[in-house]
């Protein structure tokens, strides 16, 4: 399951970089959403990938 979140994080990062490299192509809300989504997905990936069973 963490691999799925890691893949989603990398996809969001690539999309954000593509929008930032071509500034005329991205809308402000899309860039903001992707920028906010990356830390959230990273935190979920790390939380699920610790391997602790409760």
PDB file of N, CA and C in Angstrom:
ATOM      1  N   UNK A   1       0.799  -1.200   0.000  1.00  0.00           N
ATOM      2  CA  UNK A   1       0.000   0.000   0.000  1.00  0.00           C
ATOM      3  C   UNK A   1       0.847   1.273   0.000  1.00  0.00           C
ATOM      4  N   UNK A   2       1.951   1.319   0.754  1.00  0.00           N
ATOM      5  CA  UNK A   2       2.771   2.533   0.698  1.00  0.00           C
ATOM      6  C   UNK A   2       3.324   2.824  -0.699  1.00  0.00           C
ATOM      7  N   UNK A   3       3.533   1.790  -1.490  1.00  0.00           N
ATOM      8  CA  UNK A   3       4.052   2.005  -2.838  1.00  0.00           C
ATOM      9  C   UNK A   3       3.045   2.766  -3.698  1.00  0.00           C
ATOM     10  N   UNK A   4       1.776   2.537  -3.468  1.00  0.00           N
ATOM     11  CA  UNK A   4       0.738   3.253  -4.203  1.00  0.00           C
ATOM     12  C   UNK A   4       0.761   4.738  -3.846  1.00  0.00           C
ATOM     13  N   UNK A   5       0.897   5.040  -2.564  1.00  0.00           N
ATOM     14  CA  UNK A   5       0.967   6.439  -2.144  1.00  0.00           C
ATOM     15  C   UNK A   5       2.261   7.093  -2.618  1.00  0.00           C
ATOM     16  N   UNK A   6       3.343   6.345  -2.636  1.00  0.00           N
ATOM     17  CA  UNK A   6       4.604   6.873  -3.143  1.00  0.00           C
ATOM     18  C   UNK A   6       4.490   7.195  -4.634  1.00  0.00           C
ATOM     19  N   UNK A   7       3.838   6.319  -5.373  1.00  0.00           N
ATOM     20  CA  UNK A   7       3.633   6.579  -6.802  1.00  0.00           C
ATOM     21  C   UNK A   7       2.744   7.800  -7.015  1.00  0.00           C
ATOM     22  N   UNK A   8       1.707   7.950  -6.193  1.00  0.00           N
ATOM     23  CA  UNK A   8       0.836   9.121  -6.300  1.00  0.00           C
ATOM     24  C   UNK A   8       1.601  10.397  -5.956  1.00  0.00           C
ATOM     25  N   UNK A   9       2.491  10.319  -4.968  1.00  0.00           N
ATOM     26  CA  UNK A   9       3.303  11.471  -4.594  1.00  0.00           C
ATOM     27  C   UNK A   9       4.236  11.865  -5.730  1.00  0.00           C
ATOM     28  N   UNK A  10       4.882  10.900  -6.328  1.00  0.00           N
ATOM     29  CA  UNK A  10       5.792  11.189  -7.440  1.00  0.00           C
ATOM     30  C   UNK A  10       5.031  11.745  -8.645  1.00  0.00           C
ATOM     31  N   UNK A  11       3.844  11.223  -8.903  1.00  0.00           N
ATOM     32  CA  UNK A  11       3.032  11.729 -10.003  1.00  0.00           C
ATOM     33  C   UNK A  11       2.627  13.181  -9.750  1.00  0.00           C
ATOM     34  N   UNK A  12       2.211  13.503  -8.522  1.00  0.00           N
ATOM     35  CA  UNK A  12       1.836  14.875  -8.182  1.00  0.00           C
ATOM     36  C   UNK A  12       3.041  15.804  -8.300  1.00  0.00           C
ATOM     37  N   UNK A  13       4.209  15.315  -7.905  1.00  0.00           N
ATOM     38  CA  UNK A  13       5.424  16.126  -7.989  1.00  0.00           C
ATOM     39  C   UNK A  13       5.795  16.414  -9.443  1.00  0.00           C
ATOM     40  N   UNK A  14       5.701  15.419 -10.288  1.00  0.00           N
ATOM     41  CA  UNK A  14       6.010  15.611 -11.709  1.00  0.00           C
ATOM     42  C   UNK A  14       5.006  16.567 -12.350  1.00  0.00           C
ATOM     43  N   UNK A  15       3.737  16.435 -12.010  1.00  0.00           N
ATOM     44  CA  UNK A  15       2.724  17.356 -12.548  1.00  0.00           C
ATOM     45  C   UNK A  15       2.983  18.775 -12.090  1.00  0.00           C
ATOM     46  N   UNK A  16       3.338  18.948 -10.824  1.00  0.00           N
ATOM     47  CA  UNK A  16       3.616  20.282 -10.317  1.00  0.00           C
ATOM     48  C   UNK A  16       4.828  20.882 -11.009  1.00  0.00           C
ATOM     49  N   UNK A  17       5.880  20.097 -11.184  1.00  0.00           N
ATOM     50  CA  UNK A  17       7.067  20.601 -11.870  1.00  0.00           C
ATOM     51  C   UNK A  17       6.757  20.973 -13.323  1.00  0.00           C
ATOM     52  N   UNK A  18       5.947  20.169 -13.974  1.00  0.00           N
ATOM     53  CA  UNK A  18       5.582  20.475 -15.356  1.00  0.00           C
ATOM     54  C   UNK A  18       4.796  21.783 -15.440  1.00  0.00           C
ATOM     55  N   UNK A  19       3.910  22.007 -14.480  1.00  0.00           N
ATOM     56  CA  UNK A  19       3.143  23.252 -14.490  1.00  0.00           C
ATOM     57  C   UNK A  19       4.011  24.451 -14.139  1.00  0.00           C
ATOM     58  N   UNK A  20       4.980  24.258 -13.261  1.00  0.00           N
ATOM     59  CA  UNK A  20       5.833  25.371 -12.872  1.00  0.00           C
ATOM     60  C   UNK A  20       6.853  25.717 -13.955  1.00  0.00           C
ATOM     61  N   UNK A  21       7.275  24.744 -14.745  1.00  0.00           N
ATOM     62  CA  UNK A  21       8.214  25.017 -15.822  1.00  0.00           C
ATOM     63  C   UNK A  21       7.544  25.720 -17.000  1.00  0.00           C
ATOM     64  N   UNK A  22       6.253  25.537 -17.139  1.00  0.00           N
ATOM     65  CA  UNK A  22       5.484  26.210 -18.193  1.00  0.00           C
ATOM     66  C   UNK A  22       4.436  27.070 -17.514  1.00  0.00           C
ATOM     67  N   UNK A  23       4.805  28.250 -17.049  1.00  0.00           N
ATOM     68  CA  UNK A  23       3.919  29.043 -16.198  1.00  0.00           C
ATOM     69  C   UNK A  23       2.597  29.453 -16.842  1.00  0.00           C
ATOM     70  N   UNK A  24       2.539  29.561 -18.135  1.00  0.00           N
ATOM     71  CA  UNK A  24       1.294  29.954 -18.772  1.00  0.00           C
ATOM     72  C   UNK A  24       0.264  28.841 -18.819  1.00  0.00           C
ATOM     73  N   UNK A  25       0.675  27.614 -18.568  1.00  0.00           N
ATOM     74  CA  UNK A  25      -0.210  26.468 -18.733  1.00  0.00           C
ATOM     75  C   UNK A  25      -1.015  26.127 -17.484  1.00  0.00           C
ATOM     76  N   UNK A  26      -0.528  26.523 -16.298  1.00  0.00           N
ATOM     77  CA  UNK A  26      -1.193  26.110 -15.072  1.00  0.00           C
ATOM     78  C   UNK A  26      -2.052  27.202 -14.465  1.00  0.00           C
ATOM     79  N   UNK A  27      -3.115  26.804 -13.861  1.00  0.00           N
ATOM     80  CA  UNK A  27      -3.962  27.732 -13.141  1.00  0.00           C
ATOM     81  C   UNK A  27      -3.509  27.783 -11.691  1.00  0.00           C
ATOM     82  N   UNK A  28      -3.766  28.882 -11.041  1.00  0.00           N
ATOM     83  CA  UNK A  28      -3.285  29.078  -9.671  1.00  0.00           C
ATOM     84  C   UNK A  28      -3.834  28.017  -8.715  1.00  0.00           C
ATOM     85  N   UNK A  29      -5.103  27.669  -8.837  1.00  0.00           N
ATOM     86  CA  UNK A  29      -5.708  26.696  -7.922  1.00  0.00           C
ATOM     87  C   UNK A  29      -5.121  25.301  -8.132  1.00  0.00           C
ATOM     88  N   UNK A  30      -4.822  24.943  -9.358  1.00  0.00           N
ATOM     89  CA  UNK A  30      -4.226  23.640  -9.639  1.00  0.00           C
ATOM     90  C   UNK A  30      -2.836  23.545  -9.041  1.00  0.00           C
ATOM     91  N   UNK A  31      -2.046  24.587  -9.215  1.00  0.00           N
ATOM     92  CA  UNK A  31      -0.694  24.591  -8.655  1.00  0.00           C
ATOM     93  C   UNK A  31      -0.762  24.564  -7.140  1.00  0.00           C
ATOM     94  N   UNK A  32      -1.672  25.320  -6.543  1.00  0.00           N
ATOM     95  CA  UNK A  32      -1.816  25.342  -5.098  1.00  0.00           C
ATOM     96  C   UNK A  32      -2.225  23.971  -4.572  1.00  0.00           C
ATOM     97  N   UNK A  33      -3.169  23.326  -5.259  1.00  0.00           N
ATOM     98  CA  UNK A  33      -3.640  22.006  -4.843  1.00  0.00           C
ATOM     99  C   UNK A  33      -2.515  20.982  -4.888  1.00  0.00           C
ATOM    100  N   UNK A  34      -1.751  20.971  -5.966  1.00  0.00           N
ATOM    101  CA  UNK A  34      -0.645  20.021  -6.070  1.00  0.00           C
ATOM    102  C   UNK A  34       0.429  20.307  -5.032  1.00  0.00           C
ATOM    103  N   UNK A  35       0.697  21.582  -4.777  1.00  0.00           N
ATOM    104  CA  UNK A  35       1.702  21.933  -3.775  1.00  0.00           C
ATOM    105  C   UNK A  35       1.248  21.536  -2.379  1.00  0.00           C
ATOM    106  N   UNK A  36      -0.035  21.570  -2.105  1.00  0.00           N
ATOM    107  CA  UNK A  36      -0.551  21.155  -0.802  1.00  0.00           C
ATOM    108  C   UNK A  36      -0.666  19.631  -0.696  1.00  0.00           C
ATOM    109  N   UNK A  37      -0.858  18.968  -1.805  1.00  0.00           N
ATOM    110  CA  UNK A  37      -1.051  17.523  -1.805  1.00  0.00           C
ATOM    111  C   UNK A  37       0.255  16.759  -1.589  1.00  0.00           C
ATOM    112  N   UNK A  38       1.361  17.283  -2.054  1.00  0.00           N
ATOM    113  CA  UNK A  38       2.636  16.570  -1.963  1.00  0.00           C
ATOM    114  C   UNK A  38       3.057  16.299  -0.514  1.00  0.00           C
ATOM    115  N   UNK A  39       3.052  17.276   0.404  1.00  0.00           N
ATOM    116  CA  UNK A  39       3.423  16.945   1.789  1.00  0.00           C
ATOM    117  C   UNK A  39       2.443  15.977   2.456  1.00  0.00           C
ATOM    118  N   UNK A  40       1.160  16.091   2.114  1.00  0.00           N
ATOM    119  CA  UNK A  40       0.173  15.181   2.683  1.00  0.00           C
ATOM    120  C   UNK A  40       0.425  13.747   2.237  1.00  0.00           C
ATOM    121  N   UNK A  41       0.638  13.543   0.959  1.00  0.00           N
ATOM    122  CA  UNK A  41       0.918  12.201   0.453  1.00  0.00           C
ATOM    123  C   UNK A  41       2.237  11.656   1.001  1.00  0.00           C
ATOM    124  N   UNK A  42       3.225  12.521   1.156  1.00  0.00           N
ATOM    125  CA  UNK A  42       4.495  12.090   1.729  1.00  0.00           C
ATOM    126  C   UNK A  42       4.312  11.627   3.167  1.00  0.00           C
ATOM    127  N   UNK A  43       3.535  12.350   3.945  1.00  0.00           N
ATOM    128  CA  UNK A  43       3.290  11.960   5.336  1.00  0.00           C
ATOM    129  C   UNK A  43       2.539  10.635   5.418  1.00  0.00           C
ATOM    130  N   UNK A  44       1.558  10.431   4.556  1.00  0.00           N
ATOM    131  CA  UNK A  44       0.816   9.168   4.554  1.00  0.00           C
ATOM    132  C   UNK A  44       1.730   8.021   4.147  1.00  0.00           C
ATOM    133  N   UNK A  45       2.576   8.245   3.155  1.00  0.00           N
ATOM    134  CA  UNK A  45       3.509   7.209   2.710  1.00  0.00           C
ATOM    135  C   UNK A  45       4.451   6.816   3.840  1.00  0.00           C
ATOM    136  N   UNK A  46       4.989   7.793   4.541  1.00  0.00           N
ATOM    137  CA  UNK A  46       5.896   7.491   5.646  1.00  0.00           C
ATOM    138  C   UNK A  46       5.175   6.820   6.805  1.00  0.00           C
ATOM    139  N   UNK A  47       3.957   7.253   7.093  1.00  0.00           N
ATOM    140  CA  UNK A  47       3.204   6.651   8.190  1.00  0.00           C
ATOM    141  C   UNK A  47       2.857   5.195   7.900  1.00  0.00           C
ATOM    142  N   UNK A  48       2.516   4.897   6.671  1.00  0.00           N
ATOM    143  CA  UNK A  48       2.169   3.517   6.325  1.00  0.00           C
ATOM    144  C   UNK A  48       3.402   2.643   6.123  1.00  0.00           C
ATOM    145  N   UNK A  49       4.520   3.252   5.829  1.00  0.00           N
ATOM    146  CA  UNK A  49       5.717   2.491   5.529  1.00  0.00           C
ATOM    147  C   UNK A  49       6.607   2.205   6.709  1.00  0.00           C
ATOM    148  N   UNK A  50       6.213   2.599   7.921  1.00  0.00           N
ATOM    149  CA  UNK A  50       7.066   2.370   9.087  1.00  0.00           C
ATOM    150  C   UNK A  50       7.102   0.918   9.495  1.00  0.00           C
ATOM    151  N   UNK A  51       6.057   0.154   9.180  1.00  0.00           N
ATOM    152  CA  UNK A  51       6.046  -1.269   9.488  1.00  0.00           C
ATOM    153  C   UNK A  51       5.663  -1.592  10.920  1.00  0.00           C
ATOM    154  N   UNK A  52       5.129  -0.656  11.649  1.00  0.00           N
ATOM    155  CA  UNK A  52       4.709  -0.910  13.020  1.00  0.00           C
ATOM    156  C   UNK A  52       3.306  -1.484  13.022  1.00  0.00           C
ATOM    157  N   UNK A  53       3.140  -2.553  13.766  1.00  0.00           N
ATOM    158  CA  UNK A  53       1.810  -3.157  13.932  1.00  0.00           C
ATOM    159  C   UNK A  53       1.318  -2.865  15.345  1.00  0.00           C
ATOM    160  N   UNK A  54       0.132  -2.314  15.436  1.00  0.00           N
ATOM    161  CA  UNK A  54      -0.409  -1.997  16.757  1.00  0.00           C
ATOM    162  C   UNK A  54      -1.453  -3.012  17.134  1.00  0.00           C
TER     163      UNK A  54
END
